[in-house]
C-alpha cells in the first residue's frame, strides 16, 4: 500500500470508529446518533436516488441507513421507508437528514493537516 493510501485508510478508520454524534430531535422527543462518515457502500443507494432526481427518497434512505441509537444500532429498518415517506413531517425529515449528512463537514475528523 502506498503512503498516500495508508494515510487515507488511517483517516477513514479513525472516522468510522469514532464517537457517535448526538442530534436532539425535539419534534420526535428523541435523540438520534450518527457517525461522522459512512462507507461508500452505505452511501451508494443515497447517491443513486439523488442522481435519479429522487431527493425525498434519498433523504429517507439517509435516515434509514444513518440514524442510530446511542448503542450504534440502526433506529429504522427498510420496512419503515413507507411510514417515513407518508407519516412523518417532511420538514423534520429534511432537518434531521441534513444534520446527519453534514456532520462530517461541521466537525473535522482526526488531526488537521497543517501546510
PDB file of N, CA and C in Angstrom:
ATOM      1  N   UNK A   1       0.855  -1.183   0.000  1.00  0.00           N
ATOM      2  CA  UNK A   1       0.000   0.000   0.000  1.00  0.00           C
ATOM      3  C   UNK A   1       0.895   1.239   0.000  1.00  0.00           C
ATOM      4  N   UNK A   2       0.584   2.191  -0.851  1.00  0.00           N
ATOM      5  CA  UNK A   2       1.369   3.418  -0.916  1.00  0.00           C
ATOM      6  C   UNK A   2       1.151   4.262   0.338  1.00  0.00           C
ATOM      7  N   UNK A   3       2.068   5.188   0.574  1.00  0.00           N
ATOM      8  CA  UNK A   3       1.967   6.099   1.729  1.00  0.00           C
ATOM      9  C   UNK A   3       0.663   6.893   1.681  1.00  0.00           C
ATOM     10  N   UNK A   4       0.283   7.339   0.492  1.00  0.00           N
ATOM     11  CA  UNK A   4      -0.941   8.116   0.358  1.00  0.00           C
ATOM     12  C   UNK A   4      -2.152   7.277   0.747  1.00  0.00           C
ATOM     13  N   UNK A   5      -2.222   6.059   0.231  1.00  0.00           N
ATOM     14  CA  UNK A   5      -3.356   5.187   0.562  1.00  0.00           C
ATOM     15  C   UNK A   5      -3.353   4.801   2.038  1.00  0.00           C
ATOM     16  N   UNK A   6      -2.183   4.665   2.601  1.00  0.00           N
ATOM     17  CA  UNK A   6      -2.070   4.363   4.029  1.00  0.00           C
ATOM     18  C   UNK A   6      -2.653   5.497   4.864  1.00  0.00           C
ATOM     19  N   UNK A   7      -2.338   6.732   4.504  1.00  0.00           N
ATOM     20  CA  UNK A   7      -2.875   7.900   5.207  1.00  0.00           C
ATOM     21  C   UNK A   7      -4.386   7.976   5.049  1.00  0.00           C
ATOM     22  N   UNK A   8      -4.859   7.711   3.832  1.00  0.00           N
ATOM     23  CA  UNK A   8      -6.303   7.743   3.565  1.00  0.00           C
ATOM     24  C   UNK A   8      -7.005   6.682   4.404  1.00  0.00           C
ATOM     25  N   UNK A   9      -6.463   5.482   4.441  1.00  0.00           N
ATOM     26  CA  UNK A   9      -7.061   4.388   5.208  1.00  0.00           C
ATOM     27  C   UNK A   9      -7.046   4.691   6.708  1.00  0.00           C
ATOM     28  N   UNK A  10      -5.962   5.252   7.219  1.00  0.00           N
ATOM     29  CA  UNK A  10      -5.883   5.617   8.634  1.00  0.00           C
ATOM     30  C   UNK A  10      -6.944   6.647   8.991  1.00  0.00           C
ATOM     31  N   UNK A  11      -7.088   7.648   8.145  1.00  0.00           N
ATOM     32  CA  UNK A  11      -8.097   8.680   8.359  1.00  0.00           C
ATOM     33  C   UNK A  11      -9.486   8.068   8.406  1.00  0.00           C
ATOM     34  N   UNK A  12      -9.782   7.195   7.460  1.00  0.00           N
ATOM     35  CA  UNK A  12     -11.092   6.549   7.385  1.00  0.00           C
ATOM     36  C   UNK A  12     -11.347   5.691   8.625  1.00  0.00           C
ATOM     37  N   UNK A  13     -10.361   4.928   9.049  1.00  0.00           N
ATOM     38  CA  UNK A  13     -10.526   4.072  10.225  1.00  0.00           C
ATOM     39  C   UNK A  13     -10.804   4.900  11.481  1.00  0.00           C
ATOM     40  N   UNK A  14     -10.141   6.031  11.626  1.00  0.00           N
ATOM     41  CA  UNK A  14     -10.408   6.922  12.759  1.00  0.00           C
ATOM     42  C   UNK A  14     -11.837   7.452  12.688  1.00  0.00           C
ATOM     43  N   UNK A  15     -12.254   7.833  11.512  1.00  0.00           N
ATOM     44  CA  UNK A  15     -13.579   8.418  11.333  1.00  0.00           C
ATOM     45  C   UNK A  15     -14.685   7.401  11.591  1.00  0.00           C
ATOM     46  N   UNK A  16     -14.553   6.223  11.049  1.00  0.00           N
ATOM     47  CA  UNK A  16     -15.606   5.214  11.144  1.00  0.00           C
ATOM     48  C   UNK A  16     -15.704   4.654  12.564  1.00  0.00           C
ATOM     49  N   UNK A  17     -14.579   4.644  13.292  1.00  0.00           N
ATOM     50  CA  UNK A  17     -14.563   4.084  14.640  1.00  0.00           C
ATOM     51  C   UNK A  17     -14.774   5.144  15.714  1.00  0.00           C
ATOM     52  N   UNK A  18     -14.895   6.390  15.309  1.00  0.00           N
ATOM     53  CA  UNK A  18     -15.005   7.480  16.271  1.00  0.00           C
ATOM     54  C   UNK A  18     -16.313   7.476  17.046  1.00  0.00           C
ATOM     55  N   UNK A  19     -16.393   8.396  17.976  1.00  0.00           N
ATOM     56  CA  UNK A  19     -17.591   8.528  18.800  1.00  0.00           C
ATOM     57  C   UNK A  19     -18.788   8.910  17.942  1.00  0.00           C
ATOM     58  N   UNK A  20     -19.960   8.491  18.415  1.00  0.00           N
ATOM     59  CA  UNK A  20     -21.194   8.869  17.739  1.00  0.00           C
ATOM     60  C   UNK A  20     -21.528  10.317  18.075  1.00  0.00           C
ATOM     61  N   UNK A  21     -22.088  11.000  17.121  1.00  0.00           N
ATOM     62  CA  UNK A  21     -22.548  12.373  17.315  1.00  0.00           C
ATOM     63  C   UNK A  21     -24.035  12.341  17.636  1.00  0.00           C
ATOM     64  N   UNK A  22     -24.457  13.146  18.604  1.00  0.00           N
ATOM     65  CA  UNK A  22     -25.860  13.165  19.018  1.00  0.00           C
ATOM     66  C   UNK A  22     -26.587  14.360  18.410  1.00  0.00           C
ATOM     67  N   UNK A  23     -27.766  14.096  17.893  1.00  0.00           N
ATOM     68  CA  UNK A  23     -28.645  15.144  17.366  1.00  0.00           C
ATOM     69  C   UNK A  23     -29.958  15.050  18.133  1.00  0.00           C
ATOM     70  N   UNK A  24     -30.329  16.108  18.791  1.00  0.00           N
ATOM     71  CA  UNK A  24     -31.599  16.141  19.521  1.00  0.00           C
ATOM     72  C   UNK A  24     -32.705  16.509  18.538  1.00  0.00           C
ATOM     73  N   UNK A  25     -33.744  15.674  18.464  1.00  0.00           N
ATOM     74  CA  UNK A  25     -34.888  15.923  17.585  1.00  0.00           C
ATOM     75  C   UNK A  25     -36.094  16.177  18.491  1.00  0.00           C
ATOM     76  N   UNK A  26     -36.315  17.448  18.798  1.00  0.00           N
ATOM     77  CA  UNK A  26     -37.397  17.840  19.702  1.00  0.00           C
ATOM     78  C   UNK A  26     -38.757  17.379  19.194  1.00  0.00           C
ATOM     79  N   UNK A  27     -38.969  17.518  17.899  1.00  0.00           N
ATOM     80  CA  UNK A  27     -40.274  17.163  17.323  1.00  0.00           C
ATOM     81  C   UNK A  27     -40.623  15.687  17.554  1.00  0.00           C
ATOM     82  N   UNK A  28     -39.624  14.850  17.617  1.00  0.00           N
ATOM     83  CA  UNK A  28     -39.838  13.407  17.824  1.00  0.00           C
ATOM     84  C   UNK A  28     -39.578  13.005  19.271  1.00  0.00           C
ATOM     85  N   UNK A  29     -39.190  13.956  20.116  1.00  0.00           N
ATOM     86  CA  UNK A  29     -38.866  13.707  21.515  1.00  0.00           C
ATOM     87  C   UNK A  29     -37.866  12.565  21.649  1.00  0.00           C
ATOM     88  N   UNK A  30     -36.790  12.672  20.867  1.00  0.00           N
ATOM     89  CA  UNK A  30     -35.767  11.630  20.911  1.00  0.00           C
ATOM     90  C   UNK A  30     -34.424  12.161  20.432  1.00  0.00           C
ATOM     91  N   UNK A  31     -33.396  11.411  20.758  1.00  0.00           N
ATOM     92  CA  UNK A  31     -32.059  11.702  20.260  1.00  0.00           C
ATOM     93  C   UNK A  31     -31.749  10.727  19.134  1.00  0.00           C
ATOM     94  N   UNK A  32     -31.108  11.237  18.118  1.00  0.00           N
ATOM     95  CA  UNK A  32     -30.629  10.420  17.008  1.00  0.00           C
ATOM     96  C   UNK A  32     -29.119  10.554  17.000  1.00  0.00           C
ATOM     97  N   UNK A  33     -28.450   9.449  16.825  1.00  0.00           N
ATOM     98  CA  UNK A  33     -26.999   9.444  16.789  1.00  0.00           C
ATOM     99  C   UNK A  33     -26.539   9.089  15.382  1.00  0.00           C
ATOM    100  N   UNK A  34     -25.337   9.523  15.057  1.00  0.00           N
ATOM    101  CA  UNK A  34     -24.787   9.210  13.742  1.00  0.00           C
ATOM    102  C   UNK A  34     -23.267   9.225  13.814  1.00  0.00           C
ATOM    103  N   UNK A  35     -22.658   8.649  12.803  1.00  0.00           N
ATOM    104  CA  UNK A  35     -21.208   8.676  12.666  1.00  0.00           C
ATOM    105  C   UNK A  35     -20.820   9.906  11.860  1.00  0.00           C
ATOM    106  N   UNK A  36     -19.555  10.212  11.859  1.00  0.00           N
ATOM    107  CA  UNK A  36     -19.079  11.356  11.069  1.00  0.00           C
ATOM    108  C   UNK A  36     -18.914  11.003   9.597  1.00  0.00           C
ATOM    109  N   UNK A  37     -18.816   9.725   9.303  1.00  0.00           N
ATOM    110  CA  UNK A  37     -18.671   9.295   7.915  1.00  0.00           C
ATOM    111  C   UNK A  37     -19.241   7.894   7.767  1.00  0.00           C
ATOM    112  N   UNK A  38     -19.480   7.521   6.536  1.00  0.00           N
ATOM    113  CA  UNK A  38     -20.027   6.201   6.214  1.00  0.00           C
ATOM    114  C   UNK A  38     -19.296   5.652   5.000  1.00  0.00           C
ATOM    115  N   UNK A  39     -19.287   4.348   4.891  1.00  0.00           N
ATOM    116  CA  UNK A  39     -18.653   3.700   3.745  1.00  0.00           C
ATOM    117  C   UNK A  39     -19.424   4.021   2.470  1.00  0.00           C
ATOM    118  N   UNK A  40     -18.719   4.003   1.343  1.00  0.00           N
ATOM    119  CA  UNK A  40     -19.376   4.251   0.061  1.00  0.00           C
ATOM    120  C   UNK A  40     -20.491   3.248  -0.201  1.00  0.00           C
ATOM    121  N   UNK A  41     -20.345   2.015   0.281  1.00  0.00           N
ATOM    122  CA  UNK A  41     -21.403   1.025   0.060  1.00  0.00           C
ATOM    123  C   UNK A  41     -22.695   1.474   0.745  1.00  0.00           C
ATOM    124  N   UNK A  42     -22.580   2.196   1.872  1.00  0.00           N
ATOM    125  CA  UNK A  42     -23.758   2.737   2.554  1.00  0.00           C
ATOM    126  C   UNK A  42     -24.309   3.955   1.827  1.00  0.00           C
ATOM    127  N   UNK A  43     -23.429   4.722   1.226  1.00  0.00           N
ATOM    128  CA  UNK A  43     -23.827   5.935   0.515  1.00  0.00           C
ATOM    129  C   UNK A  43     -24.368   5.654  -0.890  1.00  0.00           C
ATOM    130  N   UNK A  44     -24.047   4.498  -1.442  1.00  0.00           N
ATOM    131  CA  UNK A  44     -24.360   4.206  -2.845  1.00  0.00           C
ATOM    132  C   UNK A  44     -25.842   4.374  -3.169  1.00  0.00           C
ATOM    133  N   UNK A  45     -26.715   3.847  -2.329  1.00  0.00           N
ATOM    134  CA  UNK A  45     -28.157   3.934  -2.599  1.00  0.00           C
ATOM    135  C   UNK A  45     -28.628   5.389  -2.549  1.00  0.00           C
ATOM    136  N   UNK A  46     -28.112   6.144  -1.595  1.00  0.00           N
ATOM    137  CA  UNK A  46     -28.474   7.558  -1.474  1.00  0.00           C
ATOM    138  C   UNK A  46     -28.030   8.323  -2.719  1.00  0.00           C
ATOM    139  N   UNK A  47     -26.801   8.093  -3.144  1.00  0.00           N
ATOM    140  CA  UNK A  47     -26.264   8.767  -4.328  1.00  0.00           C
ATOM    141  C   UNK A  47     -27.057   8.377  -5.570  1.00  0.00           C
ATOM    142  N   UNK A  48     -27.396   7.106  -5.679  1.00  0.00           N
ATOM    143  CA  UNK A  48     -28.184   6.633  -6.818  1.00  0.00           C
ATOM    144  C   UNK A  48     -29.547   7.330  -6.875  1.00  0.00           C
ATOM    145  N   UNK A  49     -30.215   7.426  -5.742  1.00  0.00           N
ATOM    146  CA  UNK A  49     -31.525   8.092  -5.701  1.00  0.00           C
ATOM    147  C   UNK A  49     -31.391   9.577  -6.049  1.00  0.00           C
ATOM    148  N   UNK A  50     -30.362  10.233  -5.536  1.00  0.00           N
ATOM    149  CA  UNK A  50     -30.142  11.648  -5.851  1.00  0.00           C
ATOM    150  C   UNK A  50     -29.904  11.841  -7.335  1.00  0.00           C
ATOM    151  N   UNK A  51     -29.127  10.964  -7.939  1.00  0.00           N
ATOM    152  CA  UNK A  51     -28.816  11.101  -9.361  1.00  0.00           C
ATOM    153  C   UNK A  51     -30.049  10.879 -10.234  1.00  0.00           C
ATOM    154  N   UNK A  52     -31.036  10.177  -9.692  1.00  0.00           N
ATOM    155  CA  UNK A  52     -32.293   9.963 -10.414  1.00  0.00           C
ATOM    156  C   UNK A  52     -33.295  11.088 -10.147  1.00  0.00           C
ATOM    157  N   UNK A  53     -32.888  12.085  -9.374  1.00  0.00           N
ATOM    158  CA  UNK A  53     -33.768  13.196  -9.053  1.00  0.00           C
ATOM    159  C   UNK A  53     -34.777  12.871  -7.962  1.00  0.00           C
ATOM    160  N   UNK A  54     -34.539  11.808  -7.222  1.00  0.00           N
ATOM    161  CA  UNK A  54     -35.454  11.366  -6.160  1.00  0.00           C
ATOM    162  C   UNK A  54     -34.926  11.857  -4.808  1.00  0.00           C
ATOM    163  N   UNK A  55     -35.001  13.161  -4.626  1.00  0.00           N
ATOM    164  CA  UNK A  55     -34.426  13.796  -3.446  1.00  0.00           C
ATOM    165  C   UNK A  55     -35.094  13.333  -2.164  1.00  0.00           C
ATOM    166  N   UNK A  56     -36.406  13.255  -2.151  1.00  0.00           N
ATOM    167  CA  UNK A  56     -37.132  12.843  -0.953  1.00  0.00           C
ATOM    168  C   UNK A  56     -36.744  11.419  -0.564  1.00  0.00           C
ATOM    169  N   UNK A  57     -36.729  10.536  -1.539  1.00  0.00           N
ATOM    170  CA  UNK A  57     -36.350   9.152  -1.271  1.00  0.00           C
ATOM    171  C   UNK A  57     -34.911   9.058  -0.759  1.00  0.00           C
ATOM    172  N   UNK A  58     -34.042   9.904  -1.290  1.00  0.00           N
ATOM    173  CA  UNK A  58     -32.645   9.920  -0.851  1.00  0.00           C
ATOM    174  C   UNK A  58     -32.538  10.370   0.606  1.00  0.00           C
ATOM    175  N   UNK A  59     -33.317  11.360   0.999  1.00  0.00           N
ATOM    176  CA  UNK A  59     -33.305  11.824   2.387  1.00  0.00           C
ATOM    177  C   UNK A  59     -33.791  10.727   3.333  1.00  0.00           C
ATOM    178  N   UNK A  60     -34.876  10.060   2.946  1.00  0.00           N
ATOM    179  CA  UNK A  60     -35.403   8.970   3.767  1.00  0.00           C
ATOM    180  C   UNK A  60     -34.397   7.829   3.840  1.00  0.00           C
ATOM    181  N   UNK A  61     -33.762   7.522   2.731  1.00  0.00           N
ATOM    182  CA  UNK A  61     -32.742   6.466   2.718  1.00  0.00           C
ATOM    183  C   UNK A  61     -31.586   6.824   3.652  1.00  0.00           C
ATOM    184  N   UNK A  62     -31.201   8.093   3.672  1.00  0.00           N
ATOM    185  CA  UNK A  62     -30.153   8.546   4.589  1.00  0.00           C
ATOM    186  C   UNK A  62     -30.540   8.258   6.035  1.00  0.00           C
ATOM    187  N   UNK A  63     -31.797   8.559   6.380  1.00  0.00           N
ATOM    188  CA  UNK A  63     -32.250   8.291   7.743  1.00  0.00           C
ATOM    189  C   UNK A  63     -32.222   6.803   8.064  1.00  0.00           C
ATOM    190  N   UNK A  64     -32.710   6.003   7.140  1.00  0.00           N
ATOM    191  CA  UNK A  64     -32.762   4.558   7.378  1.00  0.00           C
ATOM    192  C   UNK A  64     -31.358   4.001   7.600  1.00  0.00           C
ATOM    193  N   UNK A  65     -30.418   4.427   6.797  1.00  0.00           N
ATOM    194  CA  UNK A  65     -29.048   3.909   6.874  1.00  0.00           C
ATOM    195  C   UNK A  65     -28.261   4.512   8.035  1.00  0.00           C
ATOM    196  N   UNK A  66     -28.438   5.800   8.287  1.00  0.00           N
ATOM    197  CA  UNK A  66     -27.517   6.523   9.162  1.00  0.00           C
ATOM    198  C   UNK A  66     -28.031   6.858  10.547  1.00  0.00           C
ATOM    199  N   UNK A  67     -29.336   6.872  10.763  1.00  0.00           N
ATOM    200  CA  UNK A  67     -29.877   7.222  12.079  1.00  0.00           C
ATOM    201  C   UNK A  67     -29.666   6.045  13.031  1.00  0.00           C
ATOM    202  N   UNK A  68     -28.931   6.291  14.106  1.00  0.00           N
ATOM    203  CA  UNK A  68     -28.564   5.243  15.051  1.00  0.00           C
ATOM    204  C   UNK A  68     -29.068   5.574  16.450  1.00  0.00           C
ATOM    205  N   UNK A  69     -29.164   4.542  17.290  1.00  0.00           N
ATOM    206  CA  UNK A  69     -29.456   4.786  18.690  1.00  0.00           C
ATOM    207  C   UNK A  69     -28.134   4.993  19.428  1.00  0.00           C
ATOM    208  N   UNK A  70     -28.190   5.203  20.732  1.00  0.00           N
ATOM    209  CA  UNK A  70     -26.971   5.510  21.491  1.00  0.00           C
ATOM    210  C   UNK A  70     -25.965   4.371  21.499  1.00  0.00           C
ATOM    211  N   UNK A  71     -26.433   3.153  21.179  1.00  0.00           N
ATOM    212  CA  UNK A  71     -25.544   1.993  21.127  1.00  0.00           C
ATOM    213  C   UNK A  71     -24.990   1.735  19.727  1.00  0.00           C
ATOM    214  N   UNK A  72     -25.341   2.613  18.774  1.00  0.00           N
ATOM    215  CA  UNK A  72     -24.830   2.476  17.415  1.00  0.00           C
ATOM    216  C   UNK A  72     -25.639   1.537  16.537  1.00  0.00           C
ATOM    217  N   UNK A  73     -26.835   1.174  16.976  1.00  0.00           N
ATOM    218  CA  UNK A  73     -27.717   0.306  16.182  1.00  0.00           C
ATOM    219  C   UNK A  73     -28.677   1.173  15.373  1.00  0.00           C
ATOM    220  N   UNK A  74     -29.007   0.700  14.174  1.00  0.00           N
ATOM    221  CA  UNK A  74     -29.938   1.448  13.335  1.00  0.00           C
ATOM    222  C   UNK A  74     -31.296   1.609  14.027  1.00  0.00           C
ATOM    223  N   UNK A  75     -31.848   2.814  13.954  1.00  0.00           N
ATOM    224  CA  UNK A  75     -33.166   3.089  14.516  1.00  0.00           C
ATOM    225  C   UNK A  75     -34.254   2.545  13.593  1.00  0.00           C
ATOM    226  N   UNK A  76     -34.042   2.712  12.309  1.00  0.00           N
ATOM    227  CA  UNK A  76     -35.040   2.333  11.319  1.00  0.00           C
ATOM    228  C   UNK A  76     -34.599   1.108  10.536  1.00  0.00           C
ATOM    229  N   UNK A  77     -35.586   0.363  10.054  1.00  0.00           N
ATOM    230  CA  UNK A  77     -35.344  -0.767   9.165  1.00  0.00           C
ATOM    231  C   UNK A  77     -35.928  -0.420   7.799  1.00  0.00           C
ATOM    232  N   UNK A  78     -35.564  -1.183   6.790  1.00  0.00           N
ATOM    233  CA  UNK A  78     -36.033  -0.898   5.434  1.00  0.00           C
ATOM    234  C   UNK A  78     -37.555  -0.822   5.350  1.00  0.00           C
ATOM    235  N   UNK A  79     -38.243  -1.631   6.150  1.00  0.00           N
ATOM    236  CA  UNK A  79     -39.710  -1.641   6.125  1.00  0.00           C
ATOM    237  C   UNK A  79     -40.315  -0.332   6.634  1.00  0.00           C
ATOM    238  N   UNK A  80     -39.528   0.501   7.331  1.00  0.00           N
ATOM    239  CA  UNK A  80     -40.016   1.792   7.832  1.00  0.00           C
ATOM    240  C   UNK A  80     -40.100   2.851   6.736  1.00  0.00           C
ATOM    241  N   UNK A  81     -39.557   2.549   5.565  1.00  0.00           N
ATOM    242  CA  UNK A  81     -39.498   3.514   4.466  1.00  0.00           C
ATOM    243  C   UNK A  81     -40.883   4.098   4.150  1.00  0.00           C
ATOM    244  N   UNK A  82     -41.891   3.251   4.048  1.00  0.00           N
ATOM    245  CA  UNK A  82     -43.247   3.701   3.696  1.00  0.00           C
ATOM    246  C   UNK A  82     -43.776   4.657   4.756  1.00  0.00           C
ATOM    247  N   UNK A  83     -43.596   4.323   6.025  1.00  0.00           N
ATOM    248  CA  UNK A  83     -44.072   5.199   7.093  1.00  0.00           C
ATOM    249  C   UNK A  83     -43.337   6.534   7.091  1.00  0.00           C
ATOM    250  N   UNK A  84     -42.029   6.490   6.894  1.00  0.00           N
ATOM    251  CA  UNK A  84     -41.264   7.737   6.852  1.00  0.00           C
ATOM    252  C   UNK A  84     -41.676   8.602   5.668  1.00  0.00           C
ATOM    253  N   UNK A  85     -42.003   7.973   4.563  1.00  0.00           N
ATOM    254  CA  UNK A  85     -42.416   8.718   3.362  1.00  0.00           C
ATOM    255  C   UNK A  85     -43.820   9.312   3.507  1.00  0.00           C
ATOM    256  N   UNK A  86     -44.684   8.650   4.261  1.00  0.00           N
ATOM    257  CA  UNK A  86     -46.101   9.045   4.279  1.00  0.00           C
ATOM    258  C   UNK A  86     -46.627   9.533   5.618  1.00  0.00           C
ATOM    259  N   UNK A  87     -45.919   9.251   6.697  1.00  0.00           N
ATOM    260  CA  UNK A  87     -46.468   9.576   8.008  1.00  0.00           C
ATOM    261  C   UNK A  87     -45.526  10.391   8.877  1.00  0.00           C
ATOM    262  N   UNK A  88     -44.493  10.953   8.285  1.00  0.00           N
ATOM    263  CA  UNK A  88     -43.551  11.791   9.028  1.00  0.00           C
ATOM    264  C   UNK A  88     -43.557  13.193   8.432  1.00  0.00           C
ATOM    265  N   UNK A  89     -43.358  14.173   9.288  1.00  0.00           N
ATOM    266  CA  UNK A  89     -43.313  15.568   8.863  1.00  0.00           C
ATOM    267  C   UNK A  89     -42.099  15.758   7.938  1.00  0.00           C
ATOM    268  N   UNK A  90     -42.340  16.138   6.683  1.00  0.00           N
ATOM    269  CA  UNK A  90     -41.232  16.313   5.735  1.00  0.00           C
ATOM    270  C   UNK A  90     -40.174  17.313   6.217  1.00  0.00           C
ATOM    271  N   UNK A  91     -40.610  18.357   6.902  1.00  0.00           N
ATOM    272  CA  UNK A  91     -39.652  19.359   7.379  1.00  0.00           C
ATOM    273  C   UNK A  91     -38.679  18.759   8.385  1.00  0.00           C
ATOM    274  N   UNK A  92     -39.165  17.856   9.213  1.00  0.00           N
ATOM    275  CA  UNK A  92     -38.296  17.218  10.205  1.00  0.00           C
ATOM    276  C   UNK A  92     -37.364  16.218   9.524  1.00  0.00           C
ATOM    277  N   UNK A  93     -37.883  15.489   8.565  1.00  0.00           N
ATOM    278  CA  UNK A  93     -37.042  14.556   7.800  1.00  0.00           C
ATOM    279  C   UNK A  93     -35.893  15.326   7.149  1.00  0.00           C
ATOM    280  N   UNK A  94     -36.202  16.433   6.498  1.00  0.00           N
ATOM    281  CA  UNK A  94     -35.182  17.249   5.834  1.00  0.00           C
ATOM    282  C   UNK A  94     -34.171  17.767   6.851  1.00  0.00           C
ATOM    283  N   UNK A  95     -34.654  18.247   7.983  1.00  0.00           N
ATOM    284  CA  UNK A  95     -33.767  18.798   9.012  1.00  0.00           C
ATOM    285  C   UNK A  95     -32.810  17.730   9.564  1.00  0.00           C
ATOM    286  N   UNK A  96     -33.359  16.598   9.956  1.00  0.00           N
ATOM    287  CA  UNK A  96     -32.545  15.559  10.579  1.00  0.00           C
ATOM    288  C   UNK A  96     -31.578  14.940   9.562  1.00  0.00           C
ATOM    289  N   UNK A  97     -32.084  14.617   8.377  1.00  0.00           N
ATOM    290  CA  UNK A  97     -31.213  14.047   7.343  1.00  0.00           C
ATOM    291  C   UNK A  97     -30.105  15.037   6.975  1.00  0.00           C
ATOM    292  N   UNK A  98     -30.447  16.316   6.897  1.00  0.00           N
ATOM    293  CA  UNK A  98     -29.436  17.341   6.608  1.00  0.00           C
ATOM    294  C   UNK A  98     -28.362  17.402   7.667  1.00  0.00           C
ATOM    295  N   UNK A  99     -28.767  17.333   8.936  1.00  0.00           N
ATOM    296  CA  UNK A  99     -27.784  17.358  10.020  1.00  0.00           C
ATOM    297  C   UNK A  99     -26.887  16.120   9.974  1.00  0.00           C
ATOM    298  N   UNK A 100     -27.503  14.965   9.762  1.00  0.00           N
ATOM    299  CA  UNK A 100     -26.718  13.728   9.689  1.00  0.00           C
ATOM    300  C   UNK A 100     -25.739  13.784   8.522  1.00  0.00           C
ATOM    301  N   UNK A 101     -26.213  14.201   7.367  1.00  0.00           N
ATOM    302  CA  UNK A 101     -25.371  14.209   6.167  1.00  0.00           C
ATOM    303  C   UNK A 101     -24.274  15.259   6.218  1.00  0.00           C
ATOM    304  N   UNK A 102     -24.412  16.255   7.071  1.00  0.00           N
ATOM    305  CA  UNK A 102     -23.411  17.325   7.141  1.00  0.00           C
ATOM    306  C   UNK A 102     -22.558  17.282   8.392  1.00  0.00           C
ATOM    307  N   UNK A 103     -22.740  16.285   9.238  1.00  0.00           N
ATOM    308  CA  UNK A 103     -21.997  16.231  10.498  1.00  0.00           C
ATOM    309  C   UNK A 103     -20.489  16.183  10.265  1.00  0.00           C
ATOM    310  N   UNK A 104     -20.040  15.456   9.267  1.00  0.00           N
ATOM    311  CA  UNK A 104     -18.613  15.366   8.972  1.00  0.00           C
ATOM    312  C   UNK A 104     -18.036  16.660   8.444  1.00  0.00           C
ATOM    313  N   UNK A 105     -18.873  17.477   7.831  1.00  0.00           N
ATOM    314  CA  UNK A 105     -18.439  18.776   7.316  1.00  0.00           C
ATOM    315  C   UNK A 105     -18.286  19.763   8.461  1.00  0.00           C
ATOM    316  N   UNK A 106     -19.218  19.710   9.418  1.00  0.00           N
ATOM    317  CA  UNK A 106     -19.199  20.642  10.544  1.00  0.00           C
ATOM    318  C   UNK A 106     -18.079  20.344  11.523  1.00  0.00           C
ATOM    319  N   UNK A 107     -17.745  19.054  11.677  1.00  0.00           N
ATOM    320  CA  UNK A 107     -16.733  18.672  12.647  1.00  0.00           C
ATOM    321  C   UNK A 107     -15.638  17.890  11.948  1.00  0.00           C
ATOM    322  N   UNK A 108     -14.443  18.439  11.842  1.00  0.00           N
ATOM    323  CA  UNK A 108     -13.355  17.733  11.166  1.00  0.00           C
ATOM    324  C   UNK A 108     -13.053  16.401  11.837  1.00  0.00           C
ATOM    325  N   UNK A 109     -12.583  15.454  11.041  1.00  0.00           N
ATOM    326  CA  UNK A 109     -12.244  14.125  11.527  1.00  0.00           C
ATOM    327  C   UNK A 109     -10.747  14.046  11.776  1.00  0.00           C
ATOM    328  N   UNK A 110     -10.379  13.660  12.980  1.00  0.00           N
ATOM    329  CA  UNK A 110      -8.968  13.415  13.279  1.00  0.00           C
ATOM    330  C   UNK A 110      -8.144  14.690  13.269  1.00  0.00           C
ATOM    331  N   UNK A 111      -6.887  14.507  13.018  1.00  0.00           N
ATOM    332  CA  UNK A 111      -5.932  15.612  13.026  1.00  0.00           C
ATOM    333  C   UNK A 111      -6.088  16.479  11.796  1.00  0.00           C
ATOM    334  N   UNK A 112      -5.944  17.758  11.998  1.00  0.00           N
ATOM    335  CA  UNK A 112      -5.940  18.705  10.889  1.00  0.00           C
ATOM    336  C   UNK A 112      -4.510  18.795  10.362  1.00  0.00           C
ATOM    337  N   UNK A 113      -4.357  18.648   9.082  1.00  0.00           N
ATOM    338  CA  UNK A 113      -3.026  18.698   8.479  1.00  0.00           C
ATOM    339  C   UNK A 113      -2.678  20.152   8.199  1.00  0.00           C
ATOM    340  N   UNK A 114      -1.550  20.586   8.737  1.00  0.00           N
ATOM    341  CA  UNK A 114      -1.108  21.969   8.522  1.00  0.00           C
ATOM    342  C   UNK A 114      -0.091  21.957   7.395  1.00  0.00           C
ATOM    343  N   UNK A 115      -0.241  22.909   6.520  1.00  0.00           N
ATOM    344  CA  UNK A 115       0.696  23.001   5.387  1.00  0.00           C
ATOM    345  C   UNK A 115       1.702  24.088   5.624  1.00  0.00           C
TER     346      UNK A 115
END
